Amino acid sequence: MATIKEGSKAPAFELLDQDEKTLSSAELDGKAYVLWFYPKADTPG
């Protein structure tokens, strides 16, 4: 599992939005956005 340090750039990604459309980090290049990370359910931490 990779560790991302606070303040570092996020790795390239693709994900589905609320309309099931693919969104990539390349599409967001130059725009401000927030990625929210949280622990997997039922795990310590």
PDB file of N, CA and C in Angstrom:
ATOM      1  N   MET A   1       0.843  -1.172   0.000  1.00  0.00           N
ATOM      2  CA  MET A   1       0.000   0.000   0.000  1.00  0.00           C
ATOM      3  C   MET A   1       0.891   1.238   0.000  1.00  0.00           C
ATOM      4  N   ALA A   2       0.589   2.178  -0.871  1.00  0.00           N
ATOM      5  CA  ALA A   2       1.364   3.402  -0.974  1.00  0.00           C
ATOM      6  C   ALA A   2       0.945   4.396   0.105  1.00  0.00           C
ATOM      7  N   THR A   3       1.908   5.159   0.556  1.00  0.00           N
ATOM      8  CA  THR A   3       1.636   6.208   1.523  1.00  0.00           C
ATOM      9  C   THR A   3       1.782   7.551   0.831  1.00  0.00           C
ATOM     10  N   ILE A   4       0.815   8.405   1.025  1.00  0.00           N
ATOM     11  CA  ILE A   4       0.860   9.750   0.456  1.00  0.00           C
ATOM     12  C   ILE A   4       1.086  10.721   1.611  1.00  0.00           C
ATOM     13  N   LYS A   5       2.131  11.517   1.497  1.00  0.00           N
ATOM     14  CA  LYS A   5       2.451  12.465   2.558  1.00  0.00           C
ATOM     15  C   LYS A   5       1.671  13.762   2.368  1.00  0.00           C
ATOM     16  N   GLU A   6       1.301  14.361   3.469  1.00  0.00           N
ATOM     17  CA  GLU A   6       0.571  15.626   3.444  1.00  0.00           C
ATOM     18  C   GLU A   6       1.338  16.658   2.628  1.00  0.00           C
ATOM     19  N   GLY A   7       0.635  17.340   1.734  1.00  0.00           N
ATOM     20  CA  GLY A   7       1.225  18.382   0.918  1.00  0.00           C
ATOM     21  C   GLY A   7       1.831  17.899  -0.388  1.00  0.00           C
ATOM     22  N   SER A   8       1.919  16.571  -0.563  1.00  0.00           N
ATOM     23  CA  SER A   8       2.475  16.057  -1.818  1.00  0.00           C
ATOM     24  C   SER A   8       1.403  16.013  -2.897  1.00  0.00           C
ATOM     25  N   LYS A   9       1.847  15.908  -4.143  1.00  0.00           N
ATOM     26  CA  LYS A   9       0.903  15.828  -5.253  1.00  0.00           C
ATOM     27  C   LYS A   9       0.247  14.454  -5.260  1.00  0.00           C
ATOM     28  N   ALA A  10      -1.015  14.432  -5.620  1.00  0.00           N
ATOM     29  CA  ALA A  10      -1.756  13.165  -5.708  1.00  0.00           C
ATOM     30  C   ALA A  10      -1.307  12.411  -6.954  1.00  0.00           C
ATOM     31  N   PRO A  11      -1.277  11.084  -6.897  1.00  0.00           N
ATOM     32  CA  PRO A  11      -0.952  10.310  -8.092  1.00  0.00           C
ATOM     33  C   PRO A  11      -2.088  10.412  -9.112  1.00  0.00           C
ATOM     34  N   ALA A  12      -1.795  10.092 -10.357  1.00  0.00           N
ATOM     35  CA  ALA A  12      -2.830  10.100 -11.393  1.00  0.00           C
ATOM     36  C   ALA A  12      -3.937   9.126 -10.994  1.00  0.00           C
ATOM     37  N   PHE A  13      -5.175   9.487 -11.308  1.00  0.00           N
ATOM     38  CA  PHE A  13      -6.301   8.621 -10.954  1.00  0.00           C
ATOM     39  C   PHE A  13      -7.439   8.762 -11.944  1.00  0.00           C
ATOM     40  N   GLU A  14      -8.304   7.769 -11.944  1.00  0.00           N
ATOM     41  CA  GLU A  14      -9.589   7.793 -12.654  1.00  0.00           C
ATOM     42  C   GLU A  14     -10.621   7.254 -11.688  1.00  0.00           C
ATOM     43  N   LEU A  15     -11.813   7.844 -11.698  1.00  0.00           N
ATOM     44  CA  LEU A  15     -12.891   7.382 -10.833  1.00  0.00           C
ATOM     45  C   LEU A  15     -14.224   7.696 -11.486  1.00  0.00           C
ATOM     46  N   LEU A  16     -15.275   7.123 -10.941  1.00  0.00           N
ATOM     47  CA  LEU A  16     -16.620   7.392 -11.443  1.00  0.00           C
ATOM     48  C   LEU A  16     -17.246   8.516 -10.630  1.00  0.00           C
ATOM     49  N   ASP A  17     -17.912   9.438 -11.327  1.00  0.00           N
ATOM     50  CA  ASP A  17     -18.607  10.508 -10.622  1.00  0.00           C
ATOM     51  C   ASP A  17     -20.024  10.059 -10.275  1.00  0.00           C
ATOM     52  N   GLN A  18     -20.806  10.982  -9.751  1.00  0.00           N
ATOM     53  CA  GLN A  18     -22.161  10.649  -9.310  1.00  0.00           C
ATOM     54  C   GLN A  18     -23.066  10.221 -10.459  1.00  0.00           C
ATOM     55  N   ASP A  19     -22.676  10.520 -11.697  1.00  0.00           N
ATOM     56  CA  ASP A  19     -23.465  10.136 -12.865  1.00  0.00           C
ATOM     57  C   ASP A  19     -22.876   8.927 -13.587  1.00  0.00           C
ATOM     58  N   GLU A  20     -21.938   8.229 -12.916  1.00  0.00           N
ATOM     59  CA  GLU A  20     -21.280   7.039 -13.470  1.00  0.00           C
ATOM     60  C   GLU A  20     -20.398   7.362 -14.676  1.00  0.00           C
ATOM     61  N   LYS A  21     -19.953   8.616 -14.798  1.00  0.00           N
ATOM     62  CA  LYS A  21     -19.041   9.016 -15.867  1.00  0.00           C
ATOM     63  C   LYS A  21     -17.620   9.014 -15.312  1.00  0.00           C
ATOM     64  N   THR A  22     -16.670   8.575 -16.128  1.00  0.00           N
ATOM     65  CA  THR A  22     -15.283   8.532 -15.687  1.00  0.00           C
ATOM     66  C   THR A  22     -14.697   9.938 -15.639  1.00  0.00           C
ATOM     67  N   LEU A  23     -14.017  10.226 -14.542  1.00  0.00           N
ATOM     68  CA  LEU A  23     -13.342  11.501 -14.335  1.00  0.00           C
ATOM     69  C   LEU A  23     -11.889  11.183 -14.022  1.00  0.00           C
ATOM     70  N   SER A  24     -10.969  11.847 -14.679  1.00  0.00           N
ATOM     71  CA  SER A  24      -9.550  11.581 -14.439  1.00  0.00           C
ATOM     72  C   SER A  24      -8.862  12.822 -13.890  1.00  0.00           C
ATOM     73  N   SER A  25      -7.724  12.586 -13.252  1.00  0.00           N
ATOM     74  CA  SER A  25      -6.940  13.703 -12.739  1.00  0.00           C
ATOM     75  C   SER A  25      -6.459  14.581 -13.892  1.00  0.00           C
ATOM     76  N   ALA A  26      -6.247  14.005 -15.067  1.00  0.00           N
ATOM     77  CA  ALA A  26      -5.822  14.797 -16.226  1.00  0.00           C
ATOM     78  C   ALA A  26      -6.876  15.841 -16.599  1.00  0.00           C
ATOM     79  N   GLU A  27      -8.159  15.495 -16.444  1.00  0.00           N
ATOM     80  CA  GLU A  27      -9.238  16.441 -16.747  1.00  0.00           C
ATOM     81  C   GLU A  27      -9.277  17.597 -15.749  1.00  0.00           C
ATOM     82  N   LEU A  28      -8.741  17.360 -14.567  1.00  0.00           N
ATOM     83  CA  LEU A  28      -8.754  18.378 -13.516  1.00  0.00           C
ATOM     84  C   LEU A  28      -7.468  19.200 -13.481  1.00  0.00           C
ATOM     85  N   ASP A  29      -6.524  18.875 -14.366  1.00  0.00           N
ATOM     86  CA  ASP A  29      -5.235  19.559 -14.385  1.00  0.00           C
ATOM     87  C   ASP A  29      -5.431  21.070 -14.493  1.00  0.00           C
ATOM     88  N   GLY A  30      -4.810  21.804 -13.579  1.00  0.00           N
ATOM     89  CA  GLY A  30      -4.913  23.259 -13.566  1.00  0.00           C
ATOM     90  C   GLY A  30      -6.104  23.788 -12.791  1.00  0.00           C
ATOM     91  N   LYS A  31      -6.969  22.895 -12.299  1.00  0.00           N
ATOM     92  CA  LYS A  31      -8.138  23.295 -11.509  1.00  0.00           C
ATOM     93  C   LYS A  31      -7.924  22.890 -10.054  1.00  0.00           C
ATOM     94  N   ALA A  32      -8.521  23.618  -9.163  1.00  0.00           N
ATOM     95  CA  ALA A  32      -8.454  23.264  -7.745  1.00  0.00           C
ATOM     96  C   ALA A  32      -9.472  22.169  -7.447  1.00  0.00           C
ATOM     97  N   TYR A  33      -9.057  21.163  -6.678  1.00  0.00           N
ATOM     98  CA  TYR A  33      -9.980  20.111  -6.261  1.00  0.00           C
ATOM     99  C   TYR A  33      -9.497  19.510  -4.951  1.00  0.00           C
ATOM    100  N   VAL A  34     -10.376  18.826  -4.265  1.00  0.00           N
ATOM    101  CA  VAL A  34     -10.058  18.206  -2.988  1.00  0.00           C
ATOM    102  C   VAL A  34     -10.268  16.708  -3.110  1.00  0.00           C
ATOM    103  N   LEU A  35      -9.272  15.938  -2.675  1.00  0.00           N
ATOM    104  CA  LEU A  35      -9.422  14.487  -2.565  1.00  0.00           C
ATOM    105  C   LEU A  35      -9.563  14.164  -1.096  1.00  0.00           C
ATOM    106  N   TRP A  36     -10.548  13.376  -0.761  1.00  0.00           N
ATOM    107  CA  TRP A  36     -10.803  13.025   0.622  1.00  0.00           C
ATOM    108  C   TRP A  36     -10.464  11.550   0.799  1.00  0.00           C
ATOM    109  N   PHE A  37      -9.532  11.259   1.687  1.00  0.00           N
ATOM    110  CA  PHE A  37      -9.132   9.883   1.978  1.00  0.00           C
ATOM    111  C   PHE A  37      -9.613   9.541   3.380  1.00  0.00           C
ATOM    112  N   TYR A  38     -10.059   8.334   3.572  1.00  0.00           N
ATOM    113  CA  TYR A  38     -10.465   7.899   4.888  1.00  0.00           C
ATOM    114  C   TYR A  38     -10.176   6.402   5.026  1.00  0.00           C
ATOM    115  N   PRO A  39     -10.048   5.927   6.263  1.00  0.00           N
ATOM    116  CA  PRO A  39      -9.744   4.498   6.465  1.00  0.00           C
ATOM    117  C   PRO A  39     -10.903   3.627   5.979  1.00  0.00           C
ATOM    118  N   LYS A  40     -10.553   2.454   5.523  1.00  0.00           N
ATOM    119  CA  LYS A  40     -11.561   1.486   5.119  1.00  0.00           C
ATOM    120  C   LYS A  40     -12.454   1.174   6.327  1.00  0.00           C
ATOM    121  N   ALA A  41     -13.723   0.935   6.086  1.00  0.00           N
ATOM    122  CA  ALA A  41     -14.680   0.650   7.161  1.00  0.00           C
ATOM    123  C   ALA A  41     -14.203  -0.545   7.992  1.00  0.00           C
ATOM    124  N   ASP A  42     -14.433  -0.450   9.278  1.00  0.00           N
ATOM    125  CA  ASP A  42     -14.123  -1.519  10.228  1.00  0.00           C
ATOM    126  C   ASP A  42     -12.632  -1.836  10.319  1.00  0.00           C
ATOM    127  N   THR A  43     -11.780  -0.852  10.085  1.00  0.00           N
ATOM    128  CA  THR A  43     -10.340  -1.064  10.288  1.00  0.00           C
ATOM    129  C   THR A  43      -9.854  -0.042  11.310  1.00  0.00           C
ATOM    130  N   PRO A  44      -8.803  -0.376  12.048  1.00  0.00           N
ATOM    131  CA  PRO A  44      -8.273   0.589  13.004  1.00  0.00           C
ATOM    132  C   PRO A  44      -7.608   1.747  12.285  1.00  0.00           C
ATOM    133  N   GLY A  45      -7.602   2.893  12.903  1.00  0.00           N
ATOM    134  CA  GLY A  45      -6.865   4.015  12.348  1.00  0.00           C
ATOM    135  C   GLY A  45      -7.714   5.130  11.960  1.00  0.00           C
TER     136      GLY A  45
END
